[in-house]
N, C-alpha and C. Protein backbone atom coordinates (compact mmCIF):
# COMPACT_ATOMS: atom_id res chain seq x y z
N MET A 1 11.71 8.54 4.83
CA MET A 1 11.88 7.18 5.34
C MET A 1 13.04 7.17 6.31
N ALA A 2 12.86 6.50 7.40
CA ALA A 2 13.93 6.38 8.38
C ALA A 2 15.06 5.55 7.81
N SER A 3 16.24 5.77 8.34
CA SER A 3 17.41 5.09 7.78
C SER A 3 17.30 3.58 7.88
N GLY A 4 16.59 3.06 8.87
CA GLY A 4 16.47 1.62 9.02
C GLY A 4 15.53 0.96 8.04
N ASP A 5 14.69 1.74 7.37
CA ASP A 5 13.66 1.15 6.52
C ASP A 5 14.22 0.47 5.29
N ALA A 6 15.32 0.94 4.77
CA ALA A 6 15.83 0.37 3.53
C ALA A 6 16.77 -0.80 3.78
N GLU A 7 17.21 -0.98 5.03
CA GLU A 7 18.05 -2.09 5.43
C GLU A 7 19.20 -2.35 4.47
N GLY A 8 20.15 -1.46 4.43
CA GLY A 8 21.36 -1.71 3.67
C GLY A 8 21.33 -1.21 2.25
N SER A 9 20.24 -0.57 1.82
CA SER A 9 20.21 -0.02 0.48
C SER A 9 21.13 1.18 0.40
N ALA A 10 21.61 1.46 -0.81
CA ALA A 10 22.36 2.69 -1.04
C ALA A 10 21.35 3.83 -1.07
N ILE A 11 21.44 4.72 -0.10
CA ILE A 11 20.41 5.75 0.07
C ILE A 11 21.03 7.12 -0.04
N GLY A 12 20.30 8.03 -0.66
CA GLY A 12 20.71 9.41 -0.73
C GLY A 12 19.51 10.32 -0.67
N GLU A 13 19.69 11.51 -0.14
CA GLU A 13 18.59 12.46 -0.10
C GLU A 13 18.38 13.05 -1.49
N HIS A 14 17.15 13.09 -1.89
CA HIS A 14 16.77 13.64 -3.19
C HIS A 14 16.28 15.06 -2.97
N PRO A 15 16.51 15.98 -3.92
CA PRO A 15 16.08 17.36 -3.73
C PRO A 15 14.59 17.52 -3.44
N SER A 16 13.77 16.58 -3.91
CA SER A 16 12.33 16.69 -3.68
C SER A 16 11.95 16.34 -2.25
N GLY A 17 12.90 15.83 -1.46
CA GLY A 17 12.61 15.45 -0.09
C GLY A 17 12.28 13.97 0.06
N THR A 18 12.12 13.25 -1.05
CA THR A 18 11.90 11.82 -0.98
C THR A 18 13.25 11.12 -0.85
N VAL A 19 13.23 9.82 -0.71
CA VAL A 19 14.46 9.06 -0.53
C VAL A 19 14.81 8.35 -1.83
N ALA A 20 16.04 8.55 -2.27
CA ALA A 20 16.53 7.87 -3.47
C ALA A 20 17.35 6.67 -3.04
N ALA A 21 17.16 5.53 -3.69
CA ALA A 21 17.85 4.33 -3.24
C ALA A 21 17.99 3.32 -4.36
N PHE A 22 19.01 2.49 -4.24
CA PHE A 22 19.16 1.30 -5.07
C PHE A 22 19.12 0.10 -4.13
N PHE A 23 18.81 -1.06 -4.66
CA PHE A 23 18.74 -2.25 -3.83
C PHE A 23 20.13 -2.80 -3.56
N SER A 24 20.43 -3.03 -2.28
CA SER A 24 21.70 -3.65 -1.90
C SER A 24 21.65 -5.14 -2.23
N THR A 25 22.79 -5.79 -2.16
CA THR A 25 22.85 -7.23 -2.39
C THR A 25 21.97 -7.97 -1.38
N ARG A 26 22.03 -7.54 -0.13
CA ARG A 26 21.23 -8.17 0.92
C ARG A 26 19.75 -8.04 0.62
N GLU A 27 19.34 -6.84 0.22
CA GLU A 27 17.92 -6.64 -0.04
C GLU A 27 17.48 -7.37 -1.30
N LYS A 28 18.35 -7.47 -2.28
CA LYS A 28 18.02 -8.25 -3.48
C LYS A 28 17.77 -9.71 -3.12
N PHE A 29 18.61 -10.25 -2.23
CA PHE A 29 18.43 -11.64 -1.79
C PHE A 29 17.11 -11.78 -1.04
N ARG A 30 16.86 -10.86 -0.13
CA ARG A 30 15.63 -10.91 0.67
C ARG A 30 14.40 -10.80 -0.24
N ARG A 31 14.49 -9.93 -1.21
CA ARG A 31 13.39 -9.74 -2.15
C ARG A 31 13.17 -11.01 -2.97
N ALA A 32 14.25 -11.64 -3.44
CA ALA A 32 14.13 -12.88 -4.22
C ALA A 32 13.48 -13.99 -3.39
N LEU A 33 13.87 -14.08 -2.11
CA LEU A 33 13.27 -15.09 -1.23
C LEU A 33 11.79 -14.83 -1.05
N TRP A 34 11.42 -13.56 -0.85
CA TRP A 34 10.00 -13.21 -0.71
C TRP A 34 9.24 -13.55 -1.99
N TYR A 35 9.80 -13.25 -3.14
CA TYR A 35 9.13 -13.56 -4.41
C TYR A 35 8.84 -15.06 -4.52
N LEU A 36 9.79 -15.88 -4.07
CA LEU A 36 9.59 -17.32 -4.09
C LEU A 36 8.42 -17.73 -3.20
N VAL A 37 8.40 -17.19 -1.98
CA VAL A 37 7.32 -17.50 -1.04
C VAL A 37 5.99 -16.93 -1.54
N ALA A 38 6.01 -15.69 -2.03
CA ALA A 38 4.77 -15.04 -2.49
C ALA A 38 4.16 -15.76 -3.69
N GLY A 39 5.00 -16.35 -4.52
CA GLY A 39 4.50 -17.04 -5.70
C GLY A 39 4.06 -18.47 -5.45
N THR A 40 4.31 -18.98 -4.24
CA THR A 40 3.97 -20.37 -3.94
C THR A 40 3.14 -20.47 -2.66
N LEU A 41 3.79 -20.43 -1.51
CA LEU A 41 3.10 -20.63 -0.23
C LEU A 41 2.02 -19.59 0.04
N PHE A 42 2.26 -18.36 -0.38
CA PHE A 42 1.29 -17.28 -0.14
C PHE A 42 0.00 -17.52 -0.92
N ARG A 43 0.11 -18.22 -2.04
CA ARG A 43 -1.03 -18.36 -2.95
C ARG A 43 -1.71 -19.72 -2.87
N ILE A 44 -1.52 -20.44 -1.79
CA ILE A 44 -2.17 -21.75 -1.70
C ILE A 44 -3.68 -21.57 -1.87
N PRO A 45 -4.32 -22.45 -2.66
CA PRO A 45 -5.73 -22.26 -3.01
C PRO A 45 -6.70 -22.76 -1.95
N ILE A 46 -6.56 -22.24 -0.75
CA ILE A 46 -7.50 -22.54 0.33
C ILE A 46 -8.27 -21.27 0.61
N ARG A 47 -9.58 -21.36 0.60
CA ARG A 47 -10.42 -20.16 0.63
C ARG A 47 -10.14 -19.27 1.84
N ARG A 48 -10.08 -19.82 3.02
CA ARG A 48 -9.93 -19.00 4.23
C ARG A 48 -8.54 -19.16 4.82
N ALA A 49 -7.53 -18.82 4.05
CA ALA A 49 -6.14 -18.93 4.53
C ALA A 49 -5.56 -17.57 4.85
N ASP A 50 -6.43 -16.61 5.22
CA ASP A 50 -5.95 -15.26 5.50
C ASP A 50 -4.94 -15.25 6.64
N GLY A 51 -5.20 -16.04 7.68
CA GLY A 51 -4.28 -16.11 8.81
C GLY A 51 -2.90 -16.62 8.39
N TRP A 52 -2.86 -17.59 7.49
CA TRP A 52 -1.61 -18.11 6.96
C TRP A 52 -0.84 -17.02 6.23
N ARG A 53 -1.55 -16.23 5.40
CA ARG A 53 -0.88 -15.17 4.66
C ARG A 53 -0.38 -14.07 5.60
N VAL A 54 -1.15 -13.77 6.63
CA VAL A 54 -0.70 -12.80 7.64
C VAL A 54 0.57 -13.32 8.31
N PHE A 55 0.60 -14.60 8.65
CA PHE A 55 1.79 -15.20 9.25
C PHE A 55 3.01 -15.04 8.35
N LEU A 56 2.86 -15.33 7.06
CA LEU A 56 3.98 -15.21 6.13
C LEU A 56 4.46 -13.76 6.03
N LEU A 57 3.52 -12.83 5.95
CA LEU A 57 3.90 -11.41 5.89
C LEU A 57 4.69 -11.00 7.13
N ARG A 58 4.23 -11.44 8.28
CA ARG A 58 4.93 -11.11 9.53
C ARG A 58 6.33 -11.74 9.56
N CYS A 59 6.47 -12.93 9.01
CA CYS A 59 7.79 -13.57 8.94
C CYS A 59 8.78 -12.73 8.14
N PHE A 60 8.26 -11.95 7.19
CA PHE A 60 9.11 -11.10 6.36
C PHE A 60 9.10 -9.64 6.83
N GLY A 61 8.64 -9.40 8.06
CA GLY A 61 8.80 -8.08 8.66
C GLY A 61 7.62 -7.14 8.57
N ALA A 62 6.50 -7.58 7.99
CA ALA A 62 5.32 -6.72 7.94
C ALA A 62 4.72 -6.57 9.33
N ARG A 63 4.15 -5.41 9.60
CA ARG A 63 3.41 -5.17 10.83
C ARG A 63 1.93 -5.24 10.48
N VAL A 64 1.26 -6.30 10.95
CA VAL A 64 -0.12 -6.58 10.54
C VAL A 64 -0.99 -6.69 11.78
N GLY A 65 -2.09 -5.94 11.79
CA GLY A 65 -3.02 -5.95 12.91
C GLY A 65 -3.89 -7.19 12.93
N ARG A 66 -4.85 -7.19 13.84
CA ARG A 66 -5.75 -8.34 14.01
C ARG A 66 -6.87 -8.32 12.97
N GLY A 67 -7.33 -9.51 12.60
CA GLY A 67 -8.51 -9.65 11.78
C GLY A 67 -8.39 -9.17 10.34
N CYS A 68 -7.20 -9.19 9.80
CA CYS A 68 -7.01 -8.74 8.41
C CYS A 68 -7.39 -9.86 7.43
N LEU A 69 -7.98 -9.46 6.32
CA LEU A 69 -8.34 -10.39 5.25
C LEU A 69 -7.47 -10.06 4.04
N ILE A 70 -6.64 -11.01 3.66
CA ILE A 70 -5.70 -10.79 2.56
C ILE A 70 -5.90 -11.90 1.54
N ARG A 71 -6.39 -11.54 0.38
CA ARG A 71 -6.69 -12.53 -0.66
C ARG A 71 -5.39 -13.08 -1.26
N ARG A 72 -5.46 -14.29 -1.75
CA ARG A 72 -4.25 -15.00 -2.17
C ARG A 72 -3.58 -14.40 -3.39
N THR A 73 -4.31 -13.65 -4.21
CA THR A 73 -3.69 -13.05 -5.40
C THR A 73 -3.26 -11.60 -5.16
N ALA A 74 -3.43 -11.11 -3.93
CA ALA A 74 -2.90 -9.77 -3.61
C ALA A 74 -1.38 -9.81 -3.72
N TRP A 75 -0.79 -8.74 -4.26
CA TRP A 75 0.68 -8.70 -4.41
C TRP A 75 1.25 -7.63 -3.50
N ILE A 76 2.14 -8.02 -2.61
CA ILE A 76 2.86 -7.10 -1.74
C ILE A 76 4.32 -7.15 -2.16
N GLU A 77 4.86 -6.01 -2.58
CA GLU A 77 6.22 -5.98 -3.12
C GLU A 77 7.28 -6.23 -2.05
N LEU A 78 7.26 -5.44 -0.96
CA LEU A 78 8.26 -5.55 0.10
C LEU A 78 7.54 -5.59 1.45
N PRO A 79 7.29 -6.76 2.00
CA PRO A 79 6.52 -6.85 3.25
C PRO A 79 7.12 -6.02 4.39
N TRP A 80 8.44 -5.92 4.45
CA TRP A 80 9.08 -5.20 5.56
C TRP A 80 8.79 -3.70 5.52
N ASN A 81 8.21 -3.19 4.45
CA ASN A 81 7.80 -1.78 4.39
C ASN A 81 6.30 -1.60 4.58
N LEU A 82 5.61 -2.63 5.04
CA LEU A 82 4.14 -2.60 5.11
C LEU A 82 3.65 -2.59 6.55
N THR A 83 2.70 -1.68 6.82
CA THR A 83 2.00 -1.65 8.10
C THR A 83 0.50 -1.68 7.83
N LEU A 84 -0.19 -2.69 8.36
CA LEU A 84 -1.64 -2.80 8.22
C LEU A 84 -2.27 -2.71 9.60
N GLY A 85 -3.30 -1.88 9.73
CA GLY A 85 -4.05 -1.80 10.98
C GLY A 85 -4.96 -3.01 11.15
N ASP A 86 -5.81 -2.97 12.17
CA ASP A 86 -6.76 -4.05 12.42
C ASP A 86 -7.85 -4.05 11.34
N GLY A 87 -8.26 -5.25 10.93
CA GLY A 87 -9.41 -5.39 10.05
C GLY A 87 -9.23 -4.89 8.64
N VAL A 88 -8.00 -4.77 8.17
CA VAL A 88 -7.74 -4.32 6.79
C VAL A 88 -8.08 -5.45 5.82
N MET A 89 -8.64 -5.09 4.66
CA MET A 89 -8.93 -6.06 3.62
C MET A 89 -8.17 -5.70 2.35
N LEU A 90 -7.37 -6.65 1.84
CA LEU A 90 -6.67 -6.50 0.57
C LEU A 90 -7.30 -7.47 -0.42
N GLY A 91 -7.93 -6.93 -1.48
CA GLY A 91 -8.71 -7.73 -2.40
C GLY A 91 -7.88 -8.47 -3.43
N GLU A 92 -8.57 -9.26 -4.23
CA GLU A 92 -7.93 -10.06 -5.28
C GLU A 92 -7.17 -9.18 -6.26
N HIS A 93 -5.98 -9.59 -6.58
CA HIS A 93 -5.14 -8.95 -7.60
C HIS A 93 -4.80 -7.48 -7.32
N CYS A 94 -4.98 -7.03 -6.08
CA CYS A 94 -4.52 -5.66 -5.78
C CYS A 94 -3.00 -5.67 -5.71
N ILE A 95 -2.40 -4.52 -5.99
CA ILE A 95 -0.94 -4.40 -6.00
C ILE A 95 -0.52 -3.40 -4.94
N ILE A 96 0.27 -3.86 -4.00
CA ILE A 96 0.85 -3.01 -2.97
C ILE A 96 2.33 -2.86 -3.32
N TYR A 97 2.63 -1.83 -4.11
CA TYR A 97 4.00 -1.62 -4.60
C TYR A 97 4.70 -0.67 -3.62
N ASN A 98 5.11 -1.23 -2.51
CA ASN A 98 5.58 -0.43 -1.38
C ASN A 98 7.10 -0.40 -1.29
N LEU A 99 7.73 0.28 -2.25
CA LEU A 99 9.17 0.47 -2.15
C LEU A 99 9.51 1.36 -0.96
N GLY A 100 8.65 2.32 -0.68
CA GLY A 100 8.75 3.13 0.53
C GLY A 100 7.75 2.62 1.56
N PRO A 101 7.71 3.23 2.74
CA PRO A 101 6.77 2.80 3.77
C PRO A 101 5.33 2.95 3.29
N MET A 102 4.51 1.93 3.53
CA MET A 102 3.09 2.00 3.21
C MET A 102 2.31 1.66 4.47
N ILE A 103 1.43 2.57 4.86
CA ILE A 103 0.63 2.41 6.07
C ILE A 103 -0.83 2.43 5.66
N ILE A 104 -1.55 1.37 6.02
CA ILE A 104 -2.98 1.26 5.72
C ILE A 104 -3.70 1.12 7.06
N GLY A 105 -4.59 2.07 7.34
CA GLY A 105 -5.21 2.17 8.66
C GLY A 105 -6.31 1.14 8.91
N ASP A 106 -6.76 1.10 10.16
CA ASP A 106 -7.78 0.15 10.60
C ASP A 106 -9.01 0.15 9.69
N ARG A 107 -9.47 -1.04 9.37
CA ARG A 107 -10.71 -1.28 8.63
C ARG A 107 -10.72 -0.71 7.22
N ALA A 108 -9.57 -0.30 6.71
CA ALA A 108 -9.51 0.18 5.32
C ALA A 108 -9.65 -1.00 4.37
N MET A 109 -10.23 -0.73 3.20
CA MET A 109 -10.40 -1.76 2.18
C MET A 109 -9.69 -1.34 0.90
N VAL A 110 -8.92 -2.27 0.34
CA VAL A 110 -8.28 -2.07 -0.96
C VAL A 110 -8.88 -3.13 -1.87
N SER A 111 -9.71 -2.70 -2.81
CA SER A 111 -10.48 -3.64 -3.63
C SER A 111 -9.65 -4.27 -4.74
N GLN A 112 -10.27 -5.19 -5.45
CA GLN A 112 -9.61 -5.95 -6.50
C GLN A 112 -9.02 -5.04 -7.57
N TYR A 113 -7.82 -5.38 -7.97
CA TYR A 113 -7.06 -4.70 -9.03
C TYR A 113 -6.65 -3.26 -8.70
N ALA A 114 -6.89 -2.81 -7.48
CA ALA A 114 -6.38 -1.48 -7.09
C ALA A 114 -4.86 -1.54 -7.02
N HIS A 115 -4.22 -0.39 -7.25
CA HIS A 115 -2.76 -0.32 -7.29
C HIS A 115 -2.31 0.84 -6.40
N LEU A 116 -1.61 0.52 -5.32
CA LEU A 116 -1.03 1.52 -4.44
C LEU A 116 0.46 1.57 -4.74
N CYS A 117 0.94 2.71 -5.24
CA CYS A 117 2.29 2.80 -5.79
C CYS A 117 3.19 3.67 -4.91
N GLY A 118 4.16 3.05 -4.26
CA GLY A 118 5.09 3.77 -3.40
C GLY A 118 6.49 3.88 -3.97
N GLY A 119 6.57 3.93 -5.29
CA GLY A 119 7.88 4.06 -5.92
C GLY A 119 7.78 4.79 -7.24
N SER A 120 8.87 5.44 -7.61
CA SER A 120 8.93 6.14 -8.89
C SER A 120 10.40 6.27 -9.28
N HIS A 121 10.67 7.06 -10.31
CA HIS A 121 12.03 7.32 -10.75
C HIS A 121 12.22 8.81 -10.95
N ASP A 122 13.42 9.29 -10.68
CA ASP A 122 13.75 10.69 -10.92
C ASP A 122 14.04 10.84 -12.41
N HIS A 123 13.05 11.26 -13.16
CA HIS A 123 13.20 11.36 -14.62
C HIS A 123 13.98 12.60 -15.05
N SER A 124 14.41 13.42 -14.08
CA SER A 124 15.21 14.61 -14.42
C SER A 124 16.70 14.27 -14.56
N THR A 125 17.06 13.02 -14.28
CA THR A 125 18.46 12.61 -14.39
C THR A 125 18.58 11.42 -15.34
N ARG A 126 19.74 11.27 -15.94
CA ARG A 126 19.97 10.13 -16.82
C ARG A 126 19.95 8.81 -16.05
N GLU A 127 20.35 8.87 -14.79
CA GLU A 127 20.42 7.65 -13.98
C GLU A 127 19.04 7.12 -13.62
N MET A 128 18.01 7.95 -13.74
CA MET A 128 16.64 7.55 -13.36
C MET A 128 16.63 6.95 -11.95
N MET A 129 17.21 7.69 -11.00
CA MET A 129 17.32 7.23 -9.62
C MET A 129 15.96 6.74 -9.09
N LEU A 130 15.99 5.58 -8.47
CA LEU A 130 14.78 5.02 -7.87
C LEU A 130 14.38 5.87 -6.67
N LEU A 131 13.11 6.22 -6.59
CA LEU A 131 12.58 6.99 -5.47
C LEU A 131 11.63 6.11 -4.67
N ARG A 132 11.89 6.03 -3.37
CA ARG A 132 11.04 5.25 -2.47
C ARG A 132 10.16 6.24 -1.71
N VAL A 133 8.89 6.19 -1.99
CA VAL A 133 7.99 7.24 -1.53
C VAL A 133 6.91 6.64 -0.63
N PRO A 134 6.63 7.25 0.52
CA PRO A 134 5.58 6.71 1.40
C PRO A 134 4.18 6.93 0.84
N VAL A 135 3.28 6.02 1.18
CA VAL A 135 1.85 6.14 0.87
C VAL A 135 1.10 5.82 2.14
N ARG A 136 0.04 6.61 2.41
CA ARG A 136 -0.76 6.39 3.62
C ARG A 136 -2.24 6.33 3.24
N ILE A 137 -2.90 5.31 3.73
CA ILE A 137 -4.34 5.16 3.55
C ILE A 137 -4.96 5.20 4.94
N GLY A 138 -5.87 6.14 5.16
CA GLY A 138 -6.45 6.33 6.49
C GLY A 138 -7.40 5.22 6.90
N ALA A 139 -7.68 5.17 8.19
CA ALA A 139 -8.64 4.21 8.72
C ALA A 139 -10.00 4.41 8.06
N ASP A 140 -10.70 3.31 7.83
CA ASP A 140 -12.06 3.31 7.27
C ASP A 140 -12.14 3.84 5.84
N ALA A 141 -11.01 3.97 5.17
CA ALA A 141 -11.02 4.38 3.76
C ALA A 141 -11.33 3.17 2.89
N TRP A 142 -11.79 3.46 1.68
CA TRP A 142 -12.07 2.40 0.71
C TRP A 142 -11.47 2.81 -0.63
N ILE A 143 -10.51 2.02 -1.09
CA ILE A 143 -9.92 2.20 -2.41
C ILE A 143 -10.63 1.20 -3.32
N ALA A 144 -11.52 1.69 -4.18
CA ALA A 144 -12.39 0.81 -4.96
C ALA A 144 -11.63 0.15 -6.11
N ALA A 145 -12.33 -0.71 -6.82
CA ALA A 145 -11.72 -1.57 -7.83
C ALA A 145 -10.95 -0.80 -8.89
N ASP A 146 -9.74 -1.26 -9.16
CA ASP A 146 -8.89 -0.77 -10.24
C ASP A 146 -8.46 0.69 -10.07
N ALA A 147 -8.56 1.23 -8.86
CA ALA A 147 -8.10 2.60 -8.61
C ALA A 147 -6.58 2.61 -8.48
N PHE A 148 -5.98 3.77 -8.76
CA PHE A 148 -4.53 3.95 -8.66
C PHE A 148 -4.24 5.06 -7.66
N ILE A 149 -3.39 4.76 -6.69
CA ILE A 149 -2.95 5.75 -5.70
C ILE A 149 -1.47 5.99 -5.95
N GLY A 150 -1.11 7.22 -6.32
CA GLY A 150 0.25 7.53 -6.73
C GLY A 150 1.22 7.71 -5.57
N PRO A 151 2.50 7.78 -5.89
CA PRO A 151 3.55 7.94 -4.88
C PRO A 151 3.36 9.20 -4.04
N GLY A 152 3.57 9.06 -2.74
CA GLY A 152 3.53 10.20 -1.84
C GLY A 152 2.15 10.63 -1.42
N VAL A 153 1.11 9.93 -1.85
CA VAL A 153 -0.27 10.35 -1.58
C VAL A 153 -0.72 9.87 -0.20
N THR A 154 -1.49 10.72 0.47
CA THR A 154 -2.21 10.33 1.68
C THR A 154 -3.70 10.41 1.39
N VAL A 155 -4.39 9.30 1.57
CA VAL A 155 -5.85 9.26 1.46
C VAL A 155 -6.39 9.33 2.88
N GLY A 156 -7.19 10.35 3.16
CA GLY A 156 -7.63 10.61 4.52
C GLY A 156 -8.57 9.56 5.08
N GLU A 157 -8.73 9.60 6.38
CA GLU A 157 -9.61 8.69 7.10
C GLU A 157 -11.02 8.73 6.50
N GLY A 158 -11.59 7.55 6.29
CA GLY A 158 -12.98 7.45 5.85
C GLY A 158 -13.25 7.81 4.40
N THR A 159 -12.24 8.15 3.65
CA THR A 159 -12.43 8.60 2.27
C THR A 159 -12.63 7.41 1.32
N ILE A 160 -13.49 7.61 0.33
CA ILE A 160 -13.73 6.61 -0.71
C ILE A 160 -13.13 7.12 -2.01
N VAL A 161 -12.30 6.29 -2.62
CA VAL A 161 -11.75 6.56 -3.95
C VAL A 161 -12.49 5.65 -4.92
N GLY A 162 -13.23 6.23 -5.86
CA GLY A 162 -14.09 5.47 -6.75
C GLY A 162 -13.33 4.54 -7.68
N ALA A 163 -14.05 3.58 -8.24
CA ALA A 163 -13.46 2.60 -9.14
C ALA A 163 -12.79 3.28 -10.33
N ARG A 164 -11.62 2.78 -10.67
CA ARG A 164 -10.80 3.23 -11.80
C ARG A 164 -10.36 4.69 -11.69
N SER A 165 -10.38 5.23 -10.51
CA SER A 165 -9.89 6.60 -10.30
C SER A 165 -8.38 6.59 -10.17
N SER A 166 -7.77 7.74 -10.43
CA SER A 166 -6.32 7.92 -10.27
C SER A 166 -6.08 9.10 -9.35
N VAL A 167 -5.38 8.85 -8.25
CA VAL A 167 -5.16 9.89 -7.23
C VAL A 167 -3.67 10.23 -7.20
N PHE A 168 -3.37 11.50 -7.44
CA PHE A 168 -1.98 11.96 -7.46
C PHE A 168 -1.70 13.03 -6.41
N ARG A 169 -2.73 13.45 -5.67
CA ARG A 169 -2.58 14.42 -4.59
C ARG A 169 -3.33 13.92 -3.37
N ASP A 170 -2.94 14.44 -2.21
CA ASP A 170 -3.61 14.05 -0.98
C ASP A 170 -5.11 14.34 -1.06
N VAL A 171 -5.89 13.46 -0.43
CA VAL A 171 -7.34 13.63 -0.36
C VAL A 171 -7.72 13.75 1.11
N PRO A 172 -8.50 14.78 1.49
CA PRO A 172 -8.87 14.96 2.90
C PRO A 172 -9.75 13.82 3.42
N ALA A 173 -9.95 13.81 4.72
CA ALA A 173 -10.76 12.79 5.37
C ALA A 173 -12.24 12.94 5.04
N TRP A 174 -12.92 11.81 5.03
CA TRP A 174 -14.38 11.71 4.89
C TRP A 174 -14.91 12.40 3.63
N LYS A 175 -14.26 12.10 2.52
CA LYS A 175 -14.69 12.60 1.21
C LYS A 175 -14.97 11.41 0.29
N ILE A 176 -15.69 11.68 -0.79
CA ILE A 176 -15.85 10.73 -1.88
C ILE A 176 -15.26 11.37 -3.12
N CYS A 177 -14.33 10.68 -3.76
CA CYS A 177 -13.70 11.24 -4.95
C CYS A 177 -13.68 10.20 -6.05
N HIS A 178 -13.66 10.68 -7.28
CA HIS A 178 -13.52 9.78 -8.42
C HIS A 178 -13.02 10.55 -9.62
N GLY A 179 -12.64 9.80 -10.66
CA GLY A 179 -12.15 10.40 -11.89
C GLY A 179 -10.65 10.22 -12.05
N SER A 180 -10.15 10.67 -13.19
CA SER A 180 -8.72 10.58 -13.48
C SER A 180 -8.27 11.86 -14.17
N PRO A 181 -7.62 12.77 -13.44
CA PRO A 181 -7.27 12.63 -12.02
C PRO A 181 -8.51 12.77 -11.13
N ALA A 182 -8.45 12.13 -9.97
CA ALA A 182 -9.60 12.13 -9.06
C ALA A 182 -9.86 13.52 -8.51
N ARG A 183 -11.13 13.81 -8.32
CA ARG A 183 -11.53 15.06 -7.66
C ARG A 183 -12.61 14.73 -6.64
N VAL A 184 -12.66 15.53 -5.59
CA VAL A 184 -13.67 15.33 -4.55
C VAL A 184 -15.03 15.75 -5.10
N VAL A 185 -16.02 14.88 -4.98
CA VAL A 185 -17.36 15.20 -5.47
C VAL A 185 -18.34 15.50 -4.34
N ARG A 186 -18.09 14.95 -3.16
CA ARG A 186 -18.96 15.27 -2.02
C ARG A 186 -18.34 14.71 -0.74
N ASP A 187 -18.93 15.10 0.37
CA ASP A 187 -18.54 14.55 1.66
C ASP A 187 -19.12 13.14 1.80
N ARG A 188 -18.43 12.33 2.55
CA ARG A 188 -18.98 11.02 2.93
C ARG A 188 -19.63 11.19 4.30
N VAL A 189 -20.93 11.02 4.35
CA VAL A 189 -21.68 11.21 5.58
C VAL A 189 -22.17 9.86 6.06
N LEU A 190 -21.83 9.51 7.28
CA LEU A 190 -22.27 8.24 7.85
C LEU A 190 -23.67 8.39 8.44
N SER A 191 -24.44 7.32 8.39
CA SER A 191 -25.77 7.35 8.98
C SER A 191 -25.65 7.43 10.50
N ASP A 192 -26.72 7.88 11.15
CA ASP A 192 -26.72 7.97 12.62
C ASP A 192 -26.50 6.61 13.25
N ARG A 193 -27.07 5.56 12.63
CA ARG A 193 -26.91 4.21 13.16
C ARG A 193 -25.44 3.80 13.16
N THR A 194 -24.74 4.09 12.07
CA THR A 194 -23.33 3.72 11.97
C THR A 194 -22.50 4.51 12.96
N LYS A 195 -22.79 5.81 13.10
CA LYS A 195 -22.04 6.63 14.05
C LYS A 195 -22.20 6.12 15.47
N ALA A 196 -23.42 5.67 15.80
CA ALA A 196 -23.69 5.20 17.16
C ALA A 196 -22.89 3.94 17.47
N GLU A 197 -22.65 3.11 16.44
CA GLU A 197 -21.89 1.88 16.65
C GLU A 197 -20.43 2.20 16.86
């Protein structure tokens, strides 16, 4: 993570190469303000308020592309660490736990109750140092219902992660994987009609 991403957090290099950090007073305040907005204005019960939610995310520093659909019960932990490409869909009750940078590519779908986890703790120390870990979801990928994507994982372009799967290692592009832990079961092959479009 670049030094600017944590905005005032106490940061140190961790032996694993990830970034260890605690929340600064400034970031705690910013986070509390976001929690207030996310629990109220973000969740207004209007069916097609995706543009409103995109506006709120951008107000808190998220980089959001065009045409994104974000359901009102989706949870984004730290908007300023979030980058969404064009046409991304975040489903009901999905969790974007983005303590580190989280990048979701164009037209990717994160289904209901899926959990993308960009944080962990260094359990080798008594302090249990917080680790902020990047997560990347490639363009045209689909994270199906109730799937878990672990810290530091990259899901390749076009890859499908099956429902209730748990992914702890990078998955190559254009694969279909499922299970816990997830394993690749076959290639994802697009029809000729889809490729032509």
